[in-house]
PDB file of N, CA and C in Angstrom:
ATOM      1  N   MET A   1     110.540 -85.056 -10.592  1.00  0.00           N
ATOM      2  CA  MET A   1     110.877 -84.984 -12.003  1.00  0.00           C
ATOM      3  C   MET A   1     111.958 -86.016 -12.295  1.00  0.00           C
ATOM      4  N   SER A   2     111.799 -86.747 -13.356  1.00  0.00           N
ATOM      5  CA  SER A   2     112.808 -87.700 -13.789  1.00  0.00           C
ATOM      6  C   SER A   2     113.446 -87.190 -15.078  1.00  0.00           C
ATOM      7  N   GLU A   3     114.496 -87.852 -15.512  1.00  0.00           N
ATOM      8  CA  GLU A   3     115.168 -87.467 -16.755  1.00  0.00           C
ATOM      9  C   GLU A   3     114.198 -87.518 -17.933  1.00  0.00           C
ATOM     10  N   ALA A   4     113.294 -88.493 -17.917  1.00  0.00           N
ATOM     11  CA  ALA A   4     112.318 -88.636 -19.005  1.00  0.00           C
ATOM     12  C   ALA A   4     111.354 -87.456 -19.060  1.00  0.00           C
ATOM     13  N   ASP A   5     111.128 -86.797 -17.920  1.00  0.00           N
ATOM     14  CA  ASP A   5     110.204 -85.660 -17.860  1.00  0.00           C
ATOM     15  C   ASP A   5     110.858 -84.339 -18.258  1.00  0.00           C
ATOM     16  N   ALA A   6     112.166 -84.327 -18.357  1.00  0.00           N
ATOM     17  CA  ALA A   6     112.890 -83.085 -18.624  1.00  0.00           C
ATOM     18  C   ALA A   6     112.755 -82.673 -20.089  1.00  0.00           C
ATOM     19  N   PRO A   7     112.757 -81.355 -20.348  1.00  0.00           N
ATOM     20  CA  PRO A   7     112.753 -80.891 -21.742  1.00  0.00           C
ATOM     21  C   PRO A   7     113.987 -81.417 -22.478  1.00  0.00           C
ATOM     22  N   ALA A   8     113.892 -81.546 -23.786  1.00  0.00           N
ATOM     23  CA  ALA A   8     114.982 -82.099 -24.596  1.00  0.00           C
ATOM     24  C   ALA A   8     116.297 -81.362 -24.371  1.00  0.00           C
ATOM     25  N   GLU A   9     116.231 -80.041 -24.185  1.00  0.00           N
ATOM     26  CA  GLU A   9     117.445 -79.247 -23.984  1.00  0.00           C
ATOM     27  C   GLU A   9     118.184 -79.650 -22.709  1.00  0.00           C
ATOM     28  N   LEU A  10     117.454 -80.177 -21.737  1.00  0.00           N
ATOM     29  CA  LEU A  10     118.058 -80.553 -20.460  1.00  0.00           C
ATOM     30  C   LEU A  10     118.326 -82.048 -20.337  1.00  0.00           C
ATOM     31  N   SER A  11     117.655 -82.841 -21.131  1.00  0.00           N
ATOM     32  CA  SER A  11     117.746 -84.293 -20.942  1.00  0.00           C
ATOM     33  C   SER A  11     119.122 -84.863 -21.240  1.00  0.00           C
ATOM     34  N   SER A  12     119.927 -84.157 -22.020  1.00  0.00           N
ATOM     35  CA  SER A  12     121.260 -84.668 -22.336  1.00  0.00           C
ATOM     36  C   SER A  12     122.308 -84.246 -21.313  1.00  0.00           C
ATOM     37  N   LEU A  13     121.946 -83.446 -20.341  1.00  0.00           N
ATOM     38  CA  LEU A  13     122.887 -82.977 -19.324  1.00  0.00           C
ATOM     39  C   LEU A  13     123.099 -84.034 -18.246  1.00  0.00           C
ATOM     40  N   ASN A  14     124.196 -83.897 -17.535  1.00  0.00           N
ATOM     41  CA  ASN A  14     124.456 -84.808 -16.419  1.00  0.00           C
ATOM     42  C   ASN A  14     123.551 -84.468 -15.244  1.00  0.00           C
ATOM     43  N   TRP A  15     123.208 -85.484 -14.491  1.00  0.00           N
ATOM     44  CA  TRP A  15     122.300 -85.319 -13.368  1.00  0.00           C
ATOM     45  C   TRP A  15     122.978 -85.743 -12.076  1.00  0.00           C
ATOM     46  N   LEU A  16     122.691 -85.034 -10.992  1.00  0.00           N
ATOM     47  CA  LEU A  16     123.071 -85.441  -9.642  1.00  0.00           C
ATOM     48  C   LEU A  16     121.785 -85.527  -8.834  1.00  0.00           C
ATOM     49  N   PHE A  17     121.573 -86.654  -8.183  1.00  0.00           N
ATOM     50  CA  PHE A  17     120.341 -86.855  -7.448  1.00  0.00           C
ATOM     51  C   PHE A  17     120.567 -86.673  -5.945  1.00  0.00           C
ATOM     52  N   PHE A  18     119.645 -85.977  -5.313  1.00  0.00           N
ATOM     53  CA  PHE A  18     119.665 -85.734  -3.878  1.00  0.00           C
ATOM     54  C   PHE A  18     118.391 -86.350  -3.295  1.00  0.00           C
ATOM     55  N   ILE A  19     118.234 -87.646  -3.512  1.00  0.00           N
ATOM     56  CA  ILE A  19     116.988 -88.311  -3.144  1.00  0.00           C
ATOM     57  C   ILE A  19     117.082 -88.974  -1.773  1.00  0.00           C
ATOM     58  N   GLU A  20     118.056 -89.831  -1.605  1.00  0.00           N
ATOM     59  CA  GLU A  20     118.196 -90.571  -0.358  1.00  0.00           C
ATOM     60  C   GLU A  20     118.844 -89.695   0.713  1.00  0.00           C
ATOM     61  N   GLN A  21     118.292 -89.705   1.896  1.00  0.00           N
ATOM     62  CA  GLN A  21     118.805 -88.885   2.998  1.00  0.00           C
ATOM     63  C   GLN A  21     120.278 -89.157   3.275  1.00  0.00           C
ATOM     64  N   ASN A  22     120.686 -90.421   3.248  1.00  0.00           N
ATOM     65  CA  ASN A  22     122.073 -90.754   3.559  1.00  0.00           C
ATOM     66  C   ASN A  22     123.024 -90.457   2.395  1.00  0.00           C
ATOM     67  N   GLN A  23     122.509 -89.977   1.272  1.00  0.00           N
ATOM     68  CA  GLN A  23     123.337 -89.656   0.118  1.00  0.00           C
ATOM     69  C   GLN A  23     123.488 -88.153  -0.121  1.00  0.00           C
ATOM     70  N   ILE A  24     122.922 -87.333   0.766  1.00  0.00           N
ATOM     71  CA  ILE A  24     122.961 -85.884   0.540  1.00  0.00           C
ATOM     72  C   ILE A  24     124.393 -85.353   0.586  1.00  0.00           C
ATOM     73  N   GLU A  25     125.162 -85.728   1.601  1.00  0.00           N
ATOM     74  CA  GLU A  25     126.533 -85.215   1.687  1.00  0.00           C
ATOM     75  C   GLU A  25     127.394 -85.673   0.512  1.00  0.00           C
ATOM     76  N   PRO A  26     127.397 -86.962   0.141  1.00  0.00           N
ATOM     77  CA  PRO A  26     128.167 -87.356  -1.050  1.00  0.00           C
ATOM     78  C   PRO A  26     127.668 -86.656  -2.320  1.00  0.00           C
ATOM     79  N   SER A  27     126.366 -86.427  -2.404  1.00  0.00           N
ATOM     80  CA  SER A  27     125.830 -85.733  -3.578  1.00  0.00           C
ATOM     81  C   SER A  27     126.315 -84.288  -3.628  1.00  0.00           C
ATOM     82  N   PHE A  28     126.377 -83.618  -2.476  1.00  0.00           N
ATOM     83  CA  PHE A  28     126.900 -82.248  -2.442  1.00  0.00           C
ATOM     84  C   PHE A  28     128.380 -82.224  -2.803  1.00  0.00           C
ATOM     85  N   ARG A  29     129.146 -83.207  -2.331  1.00  0.00           N
ATOM     86  CA  ARG A  29     130.559 -83.277  -2.702  1.00  0.00           C
ATOM     87  C   ARG A  29     130.710 -83.460  -4.211  1.00  0.00           C
ATOM     88  N   ALA A  30     129.876 -84.304  -4.799  1.00  0.00           N
ATOM     89  CA  ALA A  30     129.911 -84.511  -6.248  1.00  0.00           C
ATOM     90  C   ALA A  30     129.525 -83.231  -6.988  1.00  0.00           C
ATOM     91  N   LEU A  31     128.537 -82.506  -6.463  1.00  0.00           N
ATOM     92  CA  LEU A  31     128.126 -81.244  -7.067  1.00  0.00           C
ATOM     93  C   LEU A  31     129.260 -80.225  -7.027  1.00  0.00           C
ATOM     94  N   ILE A  32     129.914 -80.092  -5.892  1.00  0.00           N
ATOM     95  CA  ILE A  32     131.022 -79.146  -5.749  1.00  0.00           C
ATOM     96  C   ILE A  32     132.168 -79.528  -6.694  1.00  0.00           C
ATOM     97  N   ALA A  33     132.479 -80.811  -6.767  1.00  0.00           N
ATOM     98  CA  ALA A  33     133.537 -81.261  -7.674  1.00  0.00           C
ATOM     99  C   ALA A  33     133.171 -80.945  -9.125  1.00  0.00           C
ATOM    100  N   SER A  34     131.904 -81.132  -9.479  1.00  0.00           N
ATOM    101  CA  SER A  34     131.456 -80.830 -10.841  1.00  0.00           C
ATOM    102  C   SER A  34     131.576 -79.346 -11.146  1.00  0.00           C
ATOM    103  N   LEU A  35     131.178 -78.522 -10.197  1.00  0.00           N
ATOM    104  CA  LEU A  35     131.247 -77.071 -10.396  1.00  0.00           C
ATOM    105  C   LEU A  35     132.686 -76.573 -10.482  1.00  0.00           C
ATOM    106  N   ASN A  36     133.596 -77.268  -9.814  1.00  0.00           N
ATOM    107  CA  ASN A  36     135.002 -76.874  -9.828  1.00  0.00           C
ATOM    108  C   ASN A  36     135.785 -77.455 -11.002  1.00  0.00           C
ATOM    109  N   THR A  37     135.149 -78.280 -11.802  1.00  0.00           N
ATOM    110  CA  THR A  37     135.820 -78.906 -12.933  1.00  0.00           C
ATOM    111  C   THR A  37     136.023 -77.885 -14.050  1.00  0.00           C
ATOM    112  N   ASP A  38     137.226 -77.812 -14.545  1.00  0.00           N
ATOM    113  CA  ASP A  38     137.550 -76.939 -15.679  1.00  0.00           C
ATOM    114  C   ASP A  38     137.247 -77.721 -16.951  1.00  0.00           C
ATOM    115  N   ILE A  39     136.067 -77.527 -17.495  1.00  0.00           N
ATOM    116  CA  ILE A  39     135.601 -78.330 -18.618  1.00  0.00           C
ATOM    117  C   ILE A  39     136.459 -78.132 -19.862  1.00  0.00           C
ATOM    118  N   GLU A  40     136.975 -76.930 -20.070  1.00  0.00           N
ATOM    119  CA  GLU A  40     137.848 -76.699 -21.225  1.00  0.00           C
ATOM    120  C   GLU A  40     139.140 -77.510 -21.088  1.00  0.00           C
ATOM    121  N   TRP A  41     139.674 -77.601 -19.860  1.00  0.00           N
ATOM    122  CA  TRP A  41     140.872 -78.402 -19.617  1.00  0.00           C
ATOM    123  C   TRP A  41     140.579 -79.867 -19.910  1.00  0.00           C
ATOM    124  N   VAL A  42     139.429 -80.353 -19.435  1.00  0.00           N
ATOM    125  CA  VAL A  42     139.046 -81.754 -19.654  1.00  0.00           C
ATOM    126  C   VAL A  42     138.900 -82.041 -21.145  1.00  0.00           C
ATOM    127  N   ARG A  43     138.269 -81.129 -21.876  1.00  0.00           N
ATOM    128  CA  ARG A  43     138.087 -81.334 -23.319  1.00  0.00           C
ATOM    129  C   ARG A  43     139.437 -81.389 -24.043  1.00  0.00           C
ATOM    130  N   GLU A  44     140.341 -80.471 -23.697  1.00  0.00           N
ATOM    131  CA  GLU A  44     141.654 -80.465 -24.346  1.00  0.00           C
ATOM    132  C   GLU A  44     142.437 -81.727 -23.989  1.00  0.00           C
ATOM    133  N   HIS A  45     142.355 -82.148 -22.737  1.00  0.00           N
ATOM    134  CA  HIS A  45     143.015 -83.376 -22.293  1.00  0.00           C
ATOM    135  C   HIS A  45     142.483 -84.577 -23.084  1.00  0.00           C
ATOM    136  N   THR A  46     141.181 -84.646 -23.227  1.00  0.00           N
ATOM    137  CA  THR A  46     140.563 -85.743 -23.966  1.00  0.00           C
ATOM    138  C   THR A  46     141.011 -85.725 -25.426  1.00  0.00           C
ATOM    139  N   LYS A  47     141.038 -84.542 -26.031  1.00  0.00           N
ATOM    140  CA  LYS A  47     141.454 -84.420 -27.426  1.00  0.00           C
ATOM    141  C   LYS A  47     142.906 -84.872 -27.607  1.00  0.00           C
ATOM    142  N   LEU A  48     143.787 -84.429 -26.717  1.00  0.00           N
ATOM    143  CA  LEU A  48     145.197 -84.799 -26.826  1.00  0.00           C
ATOM    144  C   LEU A  48     145.424 -86.280 -26.526  1.00  0.00           C
ATOM    145  N   THR A  49     144.684 -86.816 -25.582  1.00  0.00           N
ATOM    146  CA  THR A  49     144.792 -88.244 -25.274  1.00  0.00           C
ATOM    147  C   THR A  49     144.352 -89.077 -26.471  1.00  0.00           C
ATOM    148  N   ASP A  50     143.255 -88.690 -27.096  1.00  0.00           N
ATOM    149  CA  ASP A  50     142.773 -89.401 -28.277  1.00  0.00           C
ATOM    150  C   ASP A  50     143.813 -89.332 -29.393  1.00  0.00           C
ATOM    151  N   ARG A  51     144.376 -88.154 -29.591  1.00  0.00           N
ATOM    152  CA  ARG A  51     145.385 -87.993 -30.647  1.00  0.00           C
ATOM    153  C   ARG A  51     146.605 -88.865 -30.354  1.00  0.00           C
ATOM    154  N   ALA A  52     147.035 -88.906 -29.097  1.00  0.00           N
ATOM    155  CA  ALA A  52     148.193 -89.721 -28.717  1.00  0.00           C
ATOM    156  C   ALA A  52     147.913 -91.207 -28.929  1.00  0.00           C
ATOM    157  N   GLU A  53     146.720 -91.658 -28.593  1.00  0.00           N
ATOM    158  CA  GLU A  53     146.368 -93.062 -28.790  1.00  0.00           C
ATOM    159  C   GLU A  53     146.331 -93.415 -30.276  1.00  0.00           C
ATOM    160  N   ARG A  54     145.790 -92.503 -31.096  1.00  0.00           N
ATOM    161  CA  ARG A  54     145.765 -92.754 -32.539  1.00  0.00           C
ATOM    162  C   ARG A  54     147.180 -92.740 -33.108  1.00  0.00           C
ATOM    163  N   TRP A  55     148.040 -91.845 -32.635  1.00  0.00           N
ATOM    164  CA  TRP A  55     149.433 -91.803 -33.088  1.00  0.00           C
ATOM    165  C   TRP A  55     150.151 -93.090 -32.710  1.00  0.00           C
ATOM    166  N   ASP A  56     149.914 -93.570 -31.469  1.00  0.00           N
ATOM    167  CA  ASP A  56     150.552 -94.788 -30.992  1.00  0.00           C
ATOM    168  C   ASP A  56     150.174 -95.993 -31.848  1.00  0.00           C
ATOM    169  N   LYS A  57     148.977 -95.991 -32.383  1.00  0.00           N
ATOM    170  CA  LYS A  57     148.506 -97.097 -33.219  1.00  0.00           C
ATOM    171  C   LYS A  57     148.800 -96.861 -34.704  1.00  0.00           C
ATOM    172  N   GLY A  58     149.503 -95.770 -35.007  1.00  0.00           N
ATOM    173  CA  GLY A  58     149.875 -95.490 -36.380  1.00  0.00           C
ATOM    174  C   GLY A  58     148.765 -94.910 -37.233  1.00  0.00           C
ATOM    175  N   ARG A  59     147.722 -94.376 -36.581  1.00  0.00           N
ATOM    176  CA  ARG A  59     146.592 -93.837 -37.329  1.00  0.00           C
ATOM    177  C   ARG A  59     146.555 -92.316 -37.347  1.00  0.00           C
ATOM    178  N   ALA A  60     147.587 -91.665 -36.807  1.00  0.00           N
ATOM    179  CA  ALA A  60     147.644 -90.203 -36.825  1.00  0.00           C
ATOM    180  C   ALA A  60     149.100 -89.774 -36.823  1.00  0.00           C
ATOM    181  N   SER A  61     149.346 -88.618 -37.378  1.00  0.00           N
ATOM    182  CA  SER A  61     150.714 -88.095 -37.380  1.00  0.00           C
ATOM    183  C   SER A  61     151.003 -87.414 -36.043  1.00  0.00           C
ATOM    184  N   ALA A  62     152.279 -87.209 -35.790  1.00  0.00           N
ATOM    185  CA  ALA A  62     152.678 -86.507 -34.574  1.00  0.00           C
ATOM    186  C   ALA A  62     152.248 -85.042 -34.672  1.00  0.00           C
ATOM    187  N   LEU A  63     152.061 -84.422 -33.515  1.00  0.00           N
ATOM    188  CA  LEU A  63     151.730 -83.006 -33.502  1.00  0.00           C
ATOM    189  C   LEU A  63     152.883 -82.208 -34.080  1.00  0.00           C
ATOM    190  N   GLN A  64     152.551 -81.207 -34.882  1.00  0.00           N
ATOM    191  CA  GLN A  64     153.567 -80.361 -35.489  1.00  0.00           C
ATOM    192  C   GLN A  64     153.060 -78.925 -35.534  1.00  0.00           C
ATOM    193  N   GLY A  65     153.985 -77.996 -35.699  1.00  0.00           N
ATOM    194  CA  GLY A  65     153.624 -76.603 -35.909  1.00  0.00           C
ATOM    195  C   GLY A  65     152.733 -76.038 -34.818  1.00  0.00           C
ATOM    196  N   HIS A  66     151.650 -75.404 -35.253  1.00  0.00           N
ATOM    197  CA  HIS A  66     150.743 -74.727 -34.322  1.00  0.00           C
ATOM    198  C   HIS A  66     150.104 -75.706 -33.336  1.00  0.00           C
ATOM    199  N   GLU A  67     149.729 -76.893 -33.817  1.00  0.00           N
ATOM    200  CA  GLU A  67     149.132 -77.900 -32.926  1.00  0.00           C
ATOM    201  C   GLU A  67     150.089 -78.261 -31.792  1.00  0.00           C
ATOM    202  N   LEU A  68     151.354 -78.419 -32.105  1.00  0.00           N
ATOM    203  CA  LEU A  68     152.352 -78.746 -31.097  1.00  0.00           C
ATOM    204  C   LEU A  68     152.522 -77.596 -30.115  1.00  0.00           C
ATOM    205  N   GLU A  69     152.563 -76.365 -30.608  1.00  0.00           N
ATOM    206  CA  GLU A  69     152.689 -75.191 -29.737  1.00  0.00           C
ATOM    207  C   GLU A  69     151.517 -75.107 -28.765  1.00  0.00           C
ATOM    208  N   VAL A  70     150.312 -75.318 -29.270  1.00  0.00           N
ATOM    209  CA  VAL A  70     149.109 -75.264 -28.422  1.00  0.00           C
ATOM    210  C   VAL A  70     149.169 -76.356 -27.356  1.00  0.00           C
ATOM    211  N   ALA A  71     149.580 -77.566 -27.745  1.00  0.00           N
ATOM    212  CA  ALA A  71     149.672 -78.673 -26.786  1.00  0.00           C
ATOM    213  C   ALA A  71     150.727 -78.390 -25.723  1.00  0.00           C
ATOM    214  N   GLU A  72     151.854 -77.813 -26.119  1.00  0.00           N
ATOM    215  CA  GLU A  72     152.905 -77.477 -25.149  1.00  0.00           C
ATOM    216  C   GLU A  72     152.435 -76.391 -24.189  1.00  0.00           C
ATOM    217  N   GLN A  73     151.710 -75.398 -24.698  1.00  0.00           N
ATOM    218  CA  GLN A  73     151.161 -74.349 -23.827  1.00  0.00           C
ATOM    219  C   GLN A  73     150.163 -74.946 -22.840  1.00  0.00           C
ATOM    220  N   TRP A  74     149.305 -75.857 -23.335  1.00  0.00           N
ATOM    221  CA  TRP A  74     148.324 -76.507 -22.470  1.00  0.00           C
ATOM    222  C   TRP A  74     149.040 -77.291 -21.368  1.00  0.00           C
ATOM    223  N   LEU A  75     150.109 -78.010 -21.734  1.00  0.00           N
ATOM    224  CA  LEU A  75     150.860 -78.785 -20.751  1.00  0.00           C
ATOM    225  C   LEU A  75     151.476 -77.870 -19.698  1.00  0.00           C
ATOM    226  N   THR A  76     152.065 -76.769 -20.136  1.00  0.00           N
ATOM    227  CA  THR A  76     152.676 -75.824 -19.193  1.00  0.00           C
ATOM    228  C   THR A  76     151.629 -75.282 -18.232  1.00  0.00           C
ATOM    229  N   LEU A  77     150.479 -74.883 -18.741  1.00  0.00           N
ATOM    230  CA  LEU A  77     149.409 -74.369 -17.880  1.00  0.00           C
ATOM    231  C   LEU A  77     148.904 -75.457 -16.936  1.00  0.00           C
ATOM    232  N   SER A  78     148.822 -76.693 -17.445  1.00  0.00           N
ATOM    233  CA  SER A  78     148.349 -77.806 -16.610  1.00  0.00           C
ATOM    234  C   SER A  78     149.303 -78.061 -15.449  1.00  0.00           C
ATOM    235  N   LEU A  79     150.598 -77.999 -15.710  1.00  0.00           N
ATOM    236  CA  LEU A  79     151.580 -78.227 -14.650  1.00  0.00           C
ATOM    237  C   LEU A  79     151.527 -77.126 -13.596  1.00  0.00           C
ATOM    238  N   ASN A  80     151.143 -75.925 -13.990  1.00  0.00           N
ATOM    239  CA  ASN A  80     151.008 -74.810 -13.047  1.00  0.00           C
ATOM    240  C   ASN A  80     149.785 -74.942 -12.162  1.00  0.00           C
ATOM    241  N   HIS A  81     148.789 -75.756 -12.579  1.00  0.00           N
ATOM    242  CA  HIS A  81     147.568 -75.956 -11.795  1.00  0.00           C
ATOM    243  C   HIS A  81     147.740 -76.989 -10.686  1.00  0.00           C
ATOM    244  N   ILE A  82     148.811 -77.757 -10.753  1.00  0.00           N
ATOM    245  CA  ILE A  82     149.015 -78.850  -9.770  1.00  0.00           C
ATOM    246  C   ILE A  82     149.391 -78.279  -8.428  1.00  0.00           C
TER     247      ILE A  82
END
């Protein structure tokens, strides 16, 4: 099965291939890393990074109020994961 053969609901998902014999172990490591990824953390990190880049270029205001509180909580939780 190739990506082109997959139903539309699945075709937009990320793929890991276990085709070549010498690539099985690296593919399993990539699979384990993917399964261990905290996608909500990644999404929040991406959102805050984008906001910081826009602020740096003068295209967004600084975080304030509730947004700032949420970002500070996220940072505190992130530091606890290290």
